[in-house]
Amino acid sequence: MILNTSDDEVIKQAKTYAKRNRTSLSSLVEKYFQSLAEKSQFDLTPTVRALSGILKGKTDKEIKDARFLYLKEKYLND
């Protein structure tokens, strides 16, 4: 396998990691590619996709306040 990177240190670290874990660099790369393929099998549902990031940028207090108001309306409003 030919690795093409501008950072030789990355290859050195990868080889060291592989040696420590008693495996080959090729095997590490193969396992990485397999993990990518497995991740793509777990596509998000439309509902999860719609909700993804909905709270991004909100503070903990804002989230707690919104939750409190939601629960208050749900359980205390007639």
N, C-alpha and C. Protein backbone atom coordinates (compact mmCIF):
# COMPACT_ATOMS: atom_id res chain seq x y z
N MET A 1 0.85 -1.17 0.00
CA MET A 1 0.00 0.00 0.00
C MET A 1 0.90 1.24 0.00
N ILE A 2 0.49 2.22 -0.75
CA ILE A 2 1.25 3.47 -0.81
C ILE A 2 0.46 4.54 -0.08
N LEU A 3 1.11 5.17 0.89
CA LEU A 3 0.50 6.27 1.62
C LEU A 3 1.08 7.57 1.10
N ASN A 4 0.22 8.48 0.76
CA ASN A 4 0.66 9.75 0.24
C ASN A 4 0.21 10.84 1.20
N THR A 5 1.14 11.37 1.95
CA THR A 5 0.83 12.45 2.88
C THR A 5 2.01 13.40 2.95
N SER A 6 1.72 14.64 3.21
CA SER A 6 2.79 15.63 3.30
C SER A 6 3.42 15.63 4.69
N ASP A 7 2.80 14.91 5.61
CA ASP A 7 3.30 14.88 6.99
C ASP A 7 3.85 13.49 7.32
N ASP A 8 5.16 13.34 7.26
CA ASP A 8 5.79 12.05 7.54
C ASP A 8 5.55 11.61 8.98
N GLU A 9 5.34 12.56 9.87
CA GLU A 9 5.10 12.24 11.27
C GLU A 9 3.81 11.44 11.44
N VAL A 10 2.82 11.71 10.62
CA VAL A 10 1.56 10.97 10.69
C VAL A 10 1.80 9.49 10.40
N ILE A 11 2.57 9.22 9.38
CA ILE A 11 2.87 7.83 9.02
C ILE A 11 3.68 7.17 10.13
N LYS A 12 4.64 7.90 10.68
CA LYS A 12 5.46 7.36 11.76
C LYS A 12 4.58 7.00 12.97
N GLN A 13 3.67 7.89 13.33
CA GLN A 13 2.78 7.63 14.47
C GLN A 13 1.85 6.45 14.19
N ALA A 14 1.37 6.36 12.97
CA ALA A 14 0.48 5.25 12.60
C ALA A 14 1.23 3.91 12.67
N LYS A 15 2.46 3.90 12.20
CA LYS A 15 3.26 2.66 12.25
C LYS A 15 3.55 2.28 13.70
N THR A 16 3.84 3.26 14.54
CA THR A 16 4.09 3.00 15.96
C THR A 16 2.84 2.44 16.61
N TYR A 17 1.69 3.04 16.31
CA TYR A 17 0.43 2.56 16.86
C TYR A 17 0.17 1.12 16.42
N ALA A 18 0.37 0.84 15.16
CA ALA A 18 0.15 -0.51 14.63
C ALA A 18 1.07 -1.52 15.32
N LYS A 19 2.34 -1.16 15.49
CA LYS A 19 3.28 -2.06 16.13
C LYS A 19 2.89 -2.33 17.58
N ARG A 20 2.49 -1.29 18.30
CA ARG A 20 2.06 -1.44 19.70
C ARG A 20 0.86 -2.37 19.82
N ASN A 21 -0.01 -2.33 18.81
CA ASN A 21 -1.23 -3.13 18.83
C ASN A 21 -1.10 -4.42 18.04
N ARG A 22 0.13 -4.75 17.70
CA ARG A 22 0.43 -6.01 17.00
C ARG A 22 -0.44 -6.22 15.77
N THR A 23 -0.46 -5.22 14.93
CA THR A 23 -1.20 -5.31 13.68
C THR A 23 -0.40 -4.57 12.61
N SER A 24 -0.88 -4.63 11.40
CA SER A 24 -0.19 -3.93 10.31
C SER A 24 -0.91 -2.62 10.00
N LEU A 25 -0.19 -1.75 9.37
CA LEU A 25 -0.78 -0.49 8.96
C LEU A 25 -1.90 -0.74 7.94
N SER A 26 -1.68 -1.70 7.07
CA SER A 26 -2.72 -2.05 6.09
C SER A 26 -3.99 -2.52 6.78
N SER A 27 -3.83 -3.30 7.83
CA SER A 27 -4.98 -3.79 8.57
C SER A 27 -5.72 -2.64 9.25
N LEU A 28 -4.97 -1.71 9.80
CA LEU A 28 -5.60 -0.53 10.41
C LEU A 28 -6.43 0.26 9.40
N VAL A 29 -5.84 0.46 8.23
CA VAL A 29 -6.55 1.21 7.19
C VAL A 29 -7.79 0.44 6.74
N GLU A 30 -7.66 -0.86 6.59
CA GLU A 30 -8.80 -1.69 6.19
C GLU A 30 -9.92 -1.59 7.23
N LYS A 31 -9.56 -1.70 8.51
CA LYS A 31 -10.57 -1.60 9.57
C LYS A 31 -11.23 -0.23 9.58
N TYR A 32 -10.44 0.80 9.30
CA TYR A 32 -10.99 2.16 9.24
C TYR A 32 -12.01 2.27 8.11
N PHE A 33 -11.68 1.75 6.95
CA PHE A 33 -12.61 1.78 5.82
C PHE A 33 -13.88 0.99 6.12
N GLN A 34 -13.72 -0.14 6.80
CA GLN A 34 -14.89 -0.93 7.19
C GLN A 34 -15.78 -0.14 8.15
N SER A 35 -15.16 0.58 9.08
CA SER A 35 -15.96 1.36 10.03
C SER A 35 -16.71 2.48 9.31
N LEU A 36 -16.11 3.05 8.27
CA LEU A 36 -16.81 4.07 7.49
C LEU A 36 -18.03 3.48 6.80
N ALA A 37 -17.85 2.29 6.24
CA ALA A 37 -18.96 1.62 5.56
C ALA A 37 -20.07 1.29 6.54
N GLU A 38 -19.71 0.85 7.76
CA GLU A 38 -20.72 0.53 8.77
C GLU A 38 -21.49 1.76 9.21
N LYS A 39 -20.79 2.88 9.35
CA LYS A 39 -21.45 4.12 9.76
C LYS A 39 -22.50 4.54 8.74
N SER A 40 -22.21 4.34 7.46
CA SER A 40 -23.15 4.76 6.43
C SER A 40 -24.41 3.90 6.44
N GLN A 41 -24.35 2.72 7.07
CA GLN A 41 -25.52 1.86 7.16
C GLN A 41 -26.52 2.39 8.18
N PHE A 42 -26.07 3.25 9.08
CA PHE A 42 -26.93 3.78 10.12
C PHE A 42 -27.33 5.21 9.79
N ASP A 43 -28.01 5.37 8.67
CA ASP A 43 -28.46 6.70 8.27
C ASP A 43 -29.49 7.20 9.27
N LEU A 44 -29.49 8.49 9.45
CA LEU A 44 -30.44 9.10 10.38
C LEU A 44 -31.84 9.09 9.80
N THR A 45 -32.81 8.91 10.68
CA THR A 45 -34.20 8.98 10.24
C THR A 45 -34.54 10.44 9.96
N PRO A 46 -35.59 10.69 9.18
CA PRO A 46 -35.97 12.08 8.90
C PRO A 46 -36.24 12.89 10.17
N THR A 47 -36.83 12.26 11.18
CA THR A 47 -37.12 12.98 12.43
C THR A 47 -35.83 13.38 13.13
N VAL A 48 -34.89 12.45 13.22
CA VAL A 48 -33.61 12.75 13.87
C VAL A 48 -32.87 13.82 13.06
N ARG A 49 -32.90 13.70 11.75
CA ARG A 49 -32.24 14.69 10.89
C ARG A 49 -32.84 16.08 11.11
N ALA A 50 -34.18 16.15 11.26
CA ALA A 50 -34.85 17.43 11.47
C ALA A 50 -34.47 18.04 12.82
N LEU A 51 -34.28 17.19 13.83
CA LEU A 51 -33.96 17.67 15.17
C LEU A 51 -32.47 17.93 15.37
N SER A 52 -31.66 17.36 14.52
CA SER A 52 -30.22 17.49 14.66
C SER A 52 -29.79 18.95 14.62
N GLY A 53 -29.11 19.37 15.69
CA GLY A 53 -28.60 20.74 15.75
C GLY A 53 -29.59 21.76 16.23
N ILE A 54 -30.80 21.32 16.59
CA ILE A 54 -31.84 22.27 16.97
C ILE A 54 -31.46 23.09 18.21
N LEU A 55 -30.64 22.51 19.08
CA LEU A 55 -30.23 23.20 20.31
C LEU A 55 -28.83 23.80 20.21
N LYS A 56 -28.24 23.72 19.05
CA LYS A 56 -26.88 24.23 18.87
C LYS A 56 -26.85 25.73 19.17
N GLY A 57 -25.91 26.13 19.98
CA GLY A 57 -25.76 27.54 20.30
C GLY A 57 -26.58 27.98 21.49
N LYS A 58 -27.39 27.10 22.03
CA LYS A 58 -28.21 27.43 23.20
C LYS A 58 -27.40 27.16 24.47
N THR A 59 -27.59 28.01 25.47
CA THR A 59 -26.93 27.79 26.75
C THR A 59 -27.71 26.74 27.54
N ASP A 60 -27.06 26.20 28.55
CA ASP A 60 -27.74 25.22 29.41
C ASP A 60 -28.99 25.83 30.04
N LYS A 61 -28.88 27.09 30.46
CA LYS A 61 -30.03 27.76 31.08
C LYS A 61 -31.17 27.90 30.09
N GLU A 62 -30.88 28.26 28.85
CA GLU A 62 -31.92 28.39 27.83
C GLU A 62 -32.61 27.05 27.57
N ILE A 63 -31.83 26.00 27.54
CA ILE A 63 -32.39 24.66 27.32
C ILE A 63 -33.28 24.25 28.49
N LYS A 64 -32.79 24.48 29.72
CA LYS A 64 -33.58 24.14 30.91
C LYS A 64 -34.87 24.96 30.97
N ASP A 65 -34.78 26.25 30.63
CA ASP A 65 -35.97 27.10 30.64
C ASP A 65 -36.99 26.63 29.61
N ALA A 66 -36.52 26.28 28.42
CA ALA A 66 -37.42 25.80 27.37
C ALA A 66 -38.08 24.49 27.78
N ARG A 67 -37.32 23.61 28.40
CA ARG A 67 -37.87 22.33 28.88
C ARG A 67 -38.92 22.58 29.96
N PHE A 68 -38.61 23.49 30.89
CA PHE A 68 -39.55 23.81 31.95
C PHE A 68 -40.87 24.34 31.37
N LEU A 69 -40.78 25.27 30.43
CA LEU A 69 -42.00 25.83 29.82
C LEU A 69 -42.80 24.76 29.08
N TYR A 70 -42.11 23.87 28.37
CA TYR A 70 -42.79 22.80 27.67
C TYR A 70 -43.54 21.90 28.63
N LEU A 71 -42.86 21.47 29.70
CA LEU A 71 -43.50 20.59 30.67
C LEU A 71 -44.63 21.30 31.42
N LYS A 72 -44.44 22.56 31.70
CA LYS A 72 -45.48 23.35 32.38
C LYS A 72 -46.74 23.39 31.51
N GLU A 73 -46.56 23.70 30.24
CA GLU A 73 -47.72 23.75 29.32
C GLU A 73 -48.35 22.37 29.16
N LYS A 74 -47.53 21.35 29.09
CA LYS A 74 -48.03 20.00 28.86
C LYS A 74 -48.86 19.50 30.05
N TYR A 75 -48.40 19.74 31.26
CA TYR A 75 -49.04 19.13 32.42
C TYR A 75 -49.92 20.08 33.24
N LEU A 76 -49.74 21.38 33.12
CA LEU A 76 -50.50 22.29 33.97
C LEU A 76 -51.58 23.06 33.24
N ASN A 77 -51.53 23.12 31.94
CA ASN A 77 -52.59 23.83 31.19
C ASN A 77 -53.79 22.92 30.99
N ASP A 78 -54.96 23.51 31.16
CA ASP A 78 -56.20 22.75 30.99
C ASP A 78 -56.64 22.73 29.55
